[in-house]
Amino acid sequence: MACAEQDSSTMQLPYYNEPDFTPVFIKNKAEVASKIVHTIGDFSFLNQDSTLISQQDIEGKIHVANFIFTSCGSICPTMTRNLKMVSDSLKDEKDICFLSYSVTPWIDKPYVLKNFKAKNAIENPNWHFLTGSKSAIYQLARQSYFAEEDLGFSKDSTEFLHTEHFILVDKNKRIRGIYNGTLTLEMQQLLADIRMLEEE
């Protein structure tokens, strides 16, 4: 799903405008603004150090988002390990951020997230574990990141959010890739796609 059919002369990543993740390929960069209307909405959440992180912190940067909770015993540990492989490869690059939003923010207070980050030996200063209002996180997840691929806007904020997806977002807050965070192989594709976005 993350791979696009490309020939080497026109290699580019698609854009995603809709919750069903239909890829949109645009050859002429001048057309992007008019054809790709969806961007990640404004947000403001506390990170593991109780520092407020908002859309201003990702302005002009590439970022990867995912949704986890620290007490998850199923897919979250695998997702965190896999994203750490990507993060470790990019930890010296200030223009690439990782945002892990907690889907149980009433449990995952900043100090809990700080312990989780330490327990997983995550040293990248540009990887933020975020907590705050449940409704704000769930709304951002579903309406901005299309976090539950085939559901999009249909769920209400009371239904639990759990997804294995990593979402790649470009410097202009447009979605450019979706990956299965439980698959190590897809991390190689994610890393390659980040490199491609750096060249745009």
Foldseek 3Di string as FASTA:
>chain_A
DQDDDDDPVQDDFFFAQDLQRDGHDDRDPVCCVVPRPAFQDWDWWAFLVRDIDIVVQLAQAKEKEEEEALVDPPQVVLLVVLVLVLCVVCLVPSRYAYEYEYLPLVPCDSPNNVVSCVVSVRDRPRYTYTHDDNQRVVCSCQARVSQVRPCRPPDHSVDGDDHQWMWIAANRRTTGGIFRSNDNVVSVVVNVNSVNRVVD
